């Protein structure tokens, strides 16, 4: 989880800082069009908040969002790298905003608190400290790569892929640990009903 705190913030930070430059330099978009990518990204993040809230009300668990949103983010970033056109970058900016900036960090923190119910404050602090470390270190790394924006984007793709691996491990662990407690709860409910 701590690693995901770093990864989710790193993915979010990289896109928010380099998206318009990537659009202008790599996708050959005009100044206004490349700056609009950040707006598409922001709209995507807002839409995700509402979609996630609506799905959560329908009893979709937070754990179900983690790997899916991280995989979507990875795929969208990869498509922007492989097909750097104005159309692809515009659509994928919205998709990355939806999947990487629409509250996935907070969803991960909610899941993490189910693993450590007695240390929620400590866990929250550690999780967001990892995110803060990402906010400090990512500009250092990307500053060294700033002469080649495609390499910065590739770096973000690698981070998103690592995020997918980490969230998959978290999801497997979650179902391994909590499957028994869910079955016991269901059995107890059935016994109580009988």
C-alpha atoms as a PDB file:
ATOM      1  CA  UNK A   1       0.000   0.000   0.000  1.00  0.00           C
ATOM      2  CA  UNK A   2       2.772   2.405   0.820  1.00  0.00           C
ATOM      3  CA  UNK A   3       4.299   1.750  -2.586  1.00  0.00           C
ATOM      4  CA  UNK A   4       0.921   2.453  -4.182  1.00  0.00           C
ATOM      5  CA  UNK A   5       0.752   5.757  -2.308  1.00  0.00           C
ATOM      6  CA  UNK A   6       3.948   6.726  -4.120  1.00  0.00           C
ATOM      7  CA  UNK A   7       2.891   5.281  -7.487  1.00  0.00           C
ATOM      8  CA  UNK A   8      -0.581   6.818  -7.605  1.00  0.00           C
ATOM      9  CA  UNK A   9       0.763  10.269  -6.741  1.00  0.00           C
ATOM     10  CA  UNK A  10       3.619   9.877  -9.236  1.00  0.00           C
ATOM     11  CA  UNK A  11       1.233   8.972 -12.075  1.00  0.00           C
ATOM     12  CA  UNK A  12      -1.075  11.852 -11.196  1.00  0.00           C
ATOM     13  CA  UNK A  13       1.800  14.323 -10.875  1.00  0.00           C
ATOM     14  CA  UNK A  14       3.553  13.338 -14.102  1.00  0.00           C
ATOM     15  CA  UNK A  15       0.442  13.719 -16.210  1.00  0.00           C
ATOM     16  CA  UNK A  16      -0.660  16.980 -14.627  1.00  0.00           C
ATOM     17  CA  UNK A  17       2.789  18.544 -15.099  1.00  0.00           C
ATOM     18  CA  UNK A  18       3.725  17.267 -18.559  1.00  0.00           C
ATOM     19  CA  UNK A  19       0.452  16.715 -20.420  1.00  0.00           C
ATOM     20  CA  UNK A  20       0.283  20.003 -22.334  1.00  0.00           C
ATOM     21  CA  UNK A  21       3.991  19.903 -23.203  1.00  0.00           C
ATOM     22  CA  UNK A  22       3.585  16.326 -24.445  1.00  0.00           C
ATOM     23  CA  UNK A  23       0.647  17.394 -26.626  1.00  0.00           C
ATOM     24  CA  UNK A  24       2.581  20.314 -28.092  1.00  0.00           C
ATOM     25  CA  UNK A  25       5.952  18.632 -28.620  1.00  0.00           C
ATOM     26  CA  UNK A  26       5.111  15.001 -29.345  1.00  0.00           C
ATOM     27  CA  UNK A  27       1.563  15.148 -30.766  1.00  0.00           C
ATOM     28  CA  UNK A  28       2.313  18.410 -32.636  1.00  0.00           C
ATOM     29  CA  UNK A  29      -0.752  20.129 -31.231  1.00  0.00           C
ATOM     30  CA  UNK A  30      -1.146  23.889 -31.234  1.00  0.00           C
ATOM     31  CA  UNK A  31      -0.741  25.871 -28.038  1.00  0.00           C
ATOM     32  CA  UNK A  32      -4.483  26.152 -27.305  1.00  0.00           C
ATOM     33  CA  UNK A  33      -5.196  22.509 -28.162  1.00  0.00           C
ATOM     34  CA  UNK A  34      -2.331  21.206 -26.043  1.00  0.00           C
ATOM     35  CA  UNK A  35      -3.452  23.294 -23.075  1.00  0.00           C
ATOM     36  CA  UNK A  36      -6.995  21.965 -23.531  1.00  0.00           C
ATOM     37  CA  UNK A  37      -5.653  18.491 -22.719  1.00  0.00           C
ATOM     38  CA  UNK A  38      -5.407  19.539 -19.069  1.00  0.00           C
ATOM     39  CA  UNK A  39      -9.074  20.569 -19.177  1.00  0.00           C
ATOM     40  CA  UNK A  40     -10.070  17.173 -20.606  1.00  0.00           C
ATOM     41  CA  UNK A  41      -7.993  15.551 -17.872  1.00  0.00           C
ATOM     42  CA  UNK A  42      -9.753  17.612 -15.190  1.00  0.00           C
ATOM     43  CA  UNK A  43     -13.213  16.850 -16.561  1.00  0.00           C
ATOM     44  CA  UNK A  44     -12.317  13.146 -16.563  1.00  0.00           C
ATOM     45  CA  UNK A  45     -11.358  13.311 -12.907  1.00  0.00           C
ATOM     46  CA  UNK A  46     -14.632  15.012 -11.970  1.00  0.00           C
ATOM     47  CA  UNK A  47     -16.706  12.516 -13.941  1.00  0.00           C
ATOM     48  CA  UNK A  48     -14.902   9.662 -12.186  1.00  0.00           C
ATOM     49  CA  UNK A  49     -15.815  11.011  -8.761  1.00  0.00           C
ATOM     50  CA  UNK A  50     -19.508  10.949  -9.657  1.00  0.00           C
ATOM     51  CA  UNK A  51     -19.361   7.569 -11.414  1.00  0.00           C
ATOM     52  CA  UNK A  52     -17.460   5.969  -8.539  1.00  0.00           C
ATOM     53  CA  UNK A  53     -19.850   7.434  -5.974  1.00  0.00           C
ATOM     54  CA  UNK A  54     -22.859   6.117  -7.925  1.00  0.00           C
ATOM     55  CA  UNK A  55     -21.307   2.656  -8.284  1.00  0.00           C
ATOM     56  CA  UNK A  56     -20.288   2.565  -4.616  1.00  0.00           C
ATOM     57  CA  UNK A  57     -23.912   3.217  -3.663  1.00  0.00           C
ATOM     58  CA  UNK A  58     -24.839   0.112  -5.650  1.00  0.00           C
ATOM     59  CA  UNK A  59     -22.637  -1.992  -3.341  1.00  0.00           C
ATOM     60  CA  UNK A  60     -19.536  -2.113  -5.552  1.00  0.00           C
ATOM     61  CA  UNK A  61     -16.568  -2.474  -3.187  1.00  0.00           C
ATOM     62  CA  UNK A  62     -13.641  -0.057  -3.318  1.00  0.00           C
ATOM     63  CA  UNK A  63     -11.228  -2.920  -3.956  1.00  0.00           C
ATOM     64  CA  UNK A  64     -12.942  -3.603  -7.281  1.00  0.00           C
ATOM     65  CA  UNK A  65     -11.988  -0.153  -8.580  1.00  0.00           C
ATOM     66  CA  UNK A  66      -8.267  -0.218  -7.782  1.00  0.00           C
ATOM     67  CA  UNK A  67      -6.864  -2.590 -10.396  1.00  0.00           C
ATOM     68  CA  UNK A  68      -9.424  -1.582 -13.003  1.00  0.00           C
ATOM     69  CA  UNK A  69      -8.714   2.146 -12.745  1.00  0.00           C
ATOM     70  CA  UNK A  70      -4.960   1.563 -12.655  1.00  0.00           C
ATOM     71  CA  UNK A  71      -5.123  -0.706 -15.721  1.00  0.00           C
ATOM     72  CA  UNK A  72      -7.214   1.869 -17.583  1.00  0.00           C
ATOM     73  CA  UNK A  73      -4.658   4.544 -16.721  1.00  0.00           C
ATOM     74  CA  UNK A  74      -1.801   2.349 -17.954  1.00  0.00           C
ATOM     75  CA  UNK A  75      -3.580   1.566 -21.236  1.00  0.00           C
ATOM     76  CA  UNK A  76      -4.519   5.206 -21.861  1.00  0.00           C
ATOM     77  CA  UNK A  77      -0.953   6.403 -21.256  1.00  0.00           C
ATOM     78  CA  UNK A  78       0.394   3.649 -23.496  1.00  0.00           C
ATOM     79  CA  UNK A  79      -2.008   4.596 -26.303  1.00  0.00           C
ATOM     80  CA  UNK A  80      -0.911   8.229 -26.041  1.00  0.00           C
ATOM     81  CA  UNK A  81       2.710   7.084 -26.342  1.00  0.00           C
ATOM     82  CA  UNK A  82       2.126   4.692 -29.254  1.00  0.00           C
ATOM     83  CA  UNK A  83      -0.287   6.931 -31.205  1.00  0.00           C
ATOM     84  CA  UNK A  84       0.597  10.545 -30.354  1.00  0.00           C
ATOM     85  CA  UNK A  85      -2.085  12.275 -32.407  1.00  0.00           C
ATOM     86  CA  UNK A  86      -4.267  15.181 -31.359  1.00  0.00           C
ATOM     87  CA  UNK A  87      -7.387  12.987 -31.329  1.00  0.00           C
ATOM     88  CA  UNK A  88      -5.830  10.164 -29.298  1.00  0.00           C
ATOM     89  CA  UNK A  89      -4.253  12.589 -26.823  1.00  0.00           C
ATOM     90  CA  UNK A  90      -7.531  14.470 -26.367  1.00  0.00           C
ATOM     91  CA  UNK A  91      -9.585  11.338 -25.683  1.00  0.00           C
ATOM     92  CA  UNK A  92      -6.928   9.658 -23.549  1.00  0.00           C
ATOM     93  CA  UNK A  93      -6.417  12.823 -21.483  1.00  0.00           C
ATOM     94  CA  UNK A  94     -10.016  12.468 -20.354  1.00  0.00           C
ATOM     95  CA  UNK A  95      -9.511   8.729 -19.731  1.00  0.00           C
ATOM     96  CA  UNK A  96      -6.317   9.275 -17.717  1.00  0.00           C
ATOM     97  CA  UNK A  97      -8.037  12.001 -15.714  1.00  0.00           C
ATOM     98  CA  UNK A  98     -10.886   9.616 -15.035  1.00  0.00           C
ATOM     99  CA  UNK A  99      -8.692   6.699 -14.025  1.00  0.00           C
ATOM    100  CA  UNK A 100      -5.678   8.330 -12.367  1.00  0.00           C
ATOM    101  CA  UNK A 101      -7.016  11.534 -10.848  1.00  0.00           C
ATOM    102  CA  UNK A 102     -10.612  10.699  -9.986  1.00  0.00           C
ATOM    103  CA  UNK A 103     -10.008   9.542  -6.440  1.00  0.00           C
ATOM    104  CA  UNK A 104      -8.072   6.308  -6.903  1.00  0.00           C
ATOM    105  CA  UNK A 105      -5.644   7.358  -4.157  1.00  0.00           C
ATOM    106  CA  UNK A 106      -8.521   7.817  -1.734  1.00  0.00           C
ATOM    107  CA  UNK A 107     -10.023   4.471  -2.771  1.00  0.00           C
ATOM    108  CA  UNK A 108      -6.677   2.799  -2.052  1.00  0.00           C
ATOM    109  CA  UNK A 109      -6.568   4.466   1.354  1.00  0.00           C
ATOM    110  CA  UNK A 110     -10.074   3.194   2.131  1.00  0.00           C
ATOM    111  CA  UNK A 111      -9.046  -0.344   1.192  1.00  0.00           C
ATOM    112  CA  UNK A 112      -5.836   0.019   3.191  1.00  0.00           C
ATOM    113  CA  UNK A 113      -7.807   1.001   6.289  1.00  0.00           C
ATOM    114  CA  UNK A 114      -9.744  -2.270   6.037  1.00  0.00           C
ATOM    115  CA  UNK A 115      -6.413  -4.104   6.326  1.00  0.00           C
ATOM    116  CA  UNK A 116      -5.393  -2.039   9.376  1.00  0.00           C
ATOM    117  CA  UNK A 117      -8.590  -0.965  11.165  1.00  0.00           C
ATOM    118  CA  UNK A 118      -6.839  -0.088  14.442  1.00  0.00           C
ATOM    119  CA  UNK A 119      -4.194   2.162  12.922  1.00  0.00           C
ATOM    120  CA  UNK A 120      -6.146   4.264  10.442  1.00  0.00           C
ATOM    121  CA  UNK A 121      -4.478   7.547  11.412  1.00  0.00           C
ATOM    122  CA  UNK A 122      -0.974   6.112  11.228  1.00  0.00           C
ATOM    123  CA  UNK A 123      -1.708   4.357   7.945  1.00  0.00           C
ATOM    124  CA  UNK A 124      -3.143   7.537   6.442  1.00  0.00           C
ATOM    125  CA  UNK A 125      -0.027   9.456   7.448  1.00  0.00           C
ATOM    126  CA  UNK A 126       2.334   6.855   6.002  1.00  0.00           C
ATOM    127  CA  UNK A 127       0.315   6.560   2.786  1.00  0.00           C
ATOM    128  CA  UNK A 128       0.262  10.307   2.136  1.00  0.00           C
ATOM    129  CA  UNK A 129       3.917  10.642   3.123  1.00  0.00           C
ATOM    130  CA  UNK A 130       4.729   8.234   0.293  1.00  0.00           C
ATOM    131  CA  UNK A 131       2.694  10.471  -2.013  1.00  0.00           C
ATOM    132  CA  UNK A 132       4.602  13.511  -0.776  1.00  0.00           C
ATOM    133  CA  UNK A 133       7.891  11.764  -1.475  1.00  0.00           C
ATOM    134  CA  UNK A 134       6.635  11.192  -5.034  1.00  0.00           C
ATOM    135  CA  UNK A 135       5.827  14.893  -5.351  1.00  0.00           C
ATOM    136  CA  UNK A 136       9.428  15.652  -4.381  1.00  0.00           C
ATOM    137  CA  UNK A 137      11.290  12.964  -6.317  1.00  0.00           C
ATOM    138  CA  UNK A 138       9.334  12.826  -9.581  1.00  0.00           C
ATOM    139  CA  UNK A 139      10.337  16.380 -10.619  1.00  0.00           C
ATOM    140  CA  UNK A 140      13.965  15.414  -9.949  1.00  0.00           C
ATOM    141  CA  UNK A 141      13.699  12.372 -12.226  1.00  0.00           C
ATOM    142  CA  UNK A 142      11.766  14.137 -14.963  1.00  0.00           C
ATOM    143  CA  UNK A 143      14.071  17.138 -14.810  1.00  0.00           C
ATOM    144  CA  UNK A 144      16.884  14.837 -15.892  1.00  0.00           C
ATOM    145  CA  UNK A 145      14.733  13.582 -18.782  1.00  0.00           C
ATOM    146  CA  UNK A 146      13.255  16.933 -19.832  1.00  0.00           C
ATOM    147  CA  UNK A 147      15.133  17.026 -23.134  1.00  0.00           C
ATOM    148  CA  UNK A 148      13.016  14.094 -24.366  1.00  0.00           C
ATOM    149  CA  UNK A 149       9.319  14.282 -23.462  1.00  0.00           C
ATOM    150  CA  UNK A 150       8.659  10.844 -24.965  1.00  0.00           C
ATOM    151  CA  UNK A 151      10.979   9.385 -22.309  1.00  0.00           C
ATOM    152  CA  UNK A 152       9.045  11.171 -19.574  1.00  0.00           C
ATOM    153  CA  UNK A 153       5.832   9.659 -20.921  1.00  0.00           C
ATOM    154  CA  UNK A 154       7.453   6.224 -21.086  1.00  0.00           C
ATOM    155  CA  UNK A 155       8.545   6.696 -17.461  1.00  0.00           C
ATOM    156  CA  UNK A 156       4.914   7.393 -16.538  1.00  0.00           C
ATOM    157  CA  UNK A 157       3.798   4.273 -18.419  1.00  0.00           C
ATOM    158  CA  UNK A 158       6.297   2.192 -16.440  1.00  0.00           C
ATOM    159  CA  UNK A 159       5.035   3.693 -13.176  1.00  0.00           C
ATOM    160  CA  UNK A 160       1.419   2.971 -14.200  1.00  0.00           C
ATOM    161  CA  UNK A 161       2.368  -0.638 -15.078  1.00  0.00           C
ATOM    162  CA  UNK A 162       3.985  -1.019 -11.661  1.00  0.00           C
ATOM    163  CA  UNK A 163       0.807   0.429 -10.170  1.00  0.00           C
ATOM    164  CA  UNK A 164      -1.254  -2.221 -11.907  1.00  0.00           C
ATOM    165  CA  UNK A 165       1.029  -4.964 -10.580  1.00  0.00           C
ATOM    166  CA  UNK A 166       0.845  -3.558  -7.042  1.00  0.00           C
ATOM    167  CA  UNK A 167      -2.940  -3.164  -7.125  1.00  0.00           C
ATOM    168  CA  UNK A 168      -3.332  -6.693  -8.458  1.00  0.00           C
ATOM    169  CA  UNK A 169      -1.266  -7.993  -5.532  1.00  0.00           C
ATOM    170  CA  UNK A 170      -3.344  -5.890  -3.122  1.00  0.00           C
ATOM    171  CA  UNK A 171      -6.582  -7.222  -4.647  1.00  0.00           C
ATOM    172  CA  UNK A 172      -5.460 -10.855  -4.446  1.00  0.00           C
ATOM    173  CA  UNK A 173      -4.345 -10.318  -0.854  1.00  0.00           C
ATOM    174  CA  UNK A 174      -7.620  -8.608   0.002  1.00  0.00           C
ATOM    175  CA  UNK A 175      -9.728 -11.494  -1.288  1.00  0.00           C
ATOM    176  CA  UNK A 176      -7.442 -14.017   0.381  1.00  0.00           C
ATOM    177  CA  UNK A 177      -7.716 -12.318   3.775  1.00  0.00           C
ATOM    178  CA  UNK A 178     -11.316 -11.206   3.699  1.00  0.00           C
ATOM    179  CA  UNK A 179     -12.955 -14.055   1.785  1.00  0.00           C
ATOM    180  CA  UNK A 180     -13.093 -16.145   4.958  1.00  0.00           C
ATOM    181  CA  UNK A 181     -14.570 -13.305   6.983  1.00  0.00           C
ATOM    182  CA  UNK A 182     -17.136 -12.629   4.220  1.00  0.00           C
ATOM    183  CA  UNK A 183     -18.104 -16.341   4.135  1.00  0.00           C
ATOM    184  CA  UNK A 184     -18.342 -16.464   7.931  1.00  0.00           C
ATOM    185  CA  UNK A 185     -20.548 -13.389   7.897  1.00  0.00           C
ATOM    186  CA  UNK A 186     -22.792 -14.967   5.252  1.00  0.00           C
ATOM    187  CA  UNK A 187     -22.942 -18.278   7.190  1.00  0.00           C
ATOM    188  CA  UNK A 188     -23.793 -16.448  10.420  1.00  0.00           C
ATOM    189  CA  UNK A 189     -26.522 -14.497   8.606  1.00  0.00           C
ATOM    190  CA  UNK A 190     -27.952 -17.726   7.189  1.00  0.00           C
ATOM    191  CA  UNK A 191     -27.854 -19.416  10.620  1.00  0.00           C
ATOM    192  CA  UNK A 192     -29.536 -16.384  12.178  1.00  0.00           C
ATOM    193  CA  UNK A 193     -32.261 -16.507   9.542  1.00  0.00           C
ATOM    194  CA  UNK A 194     -32.907 -20.219  10.219  1.00  0.00           C
END
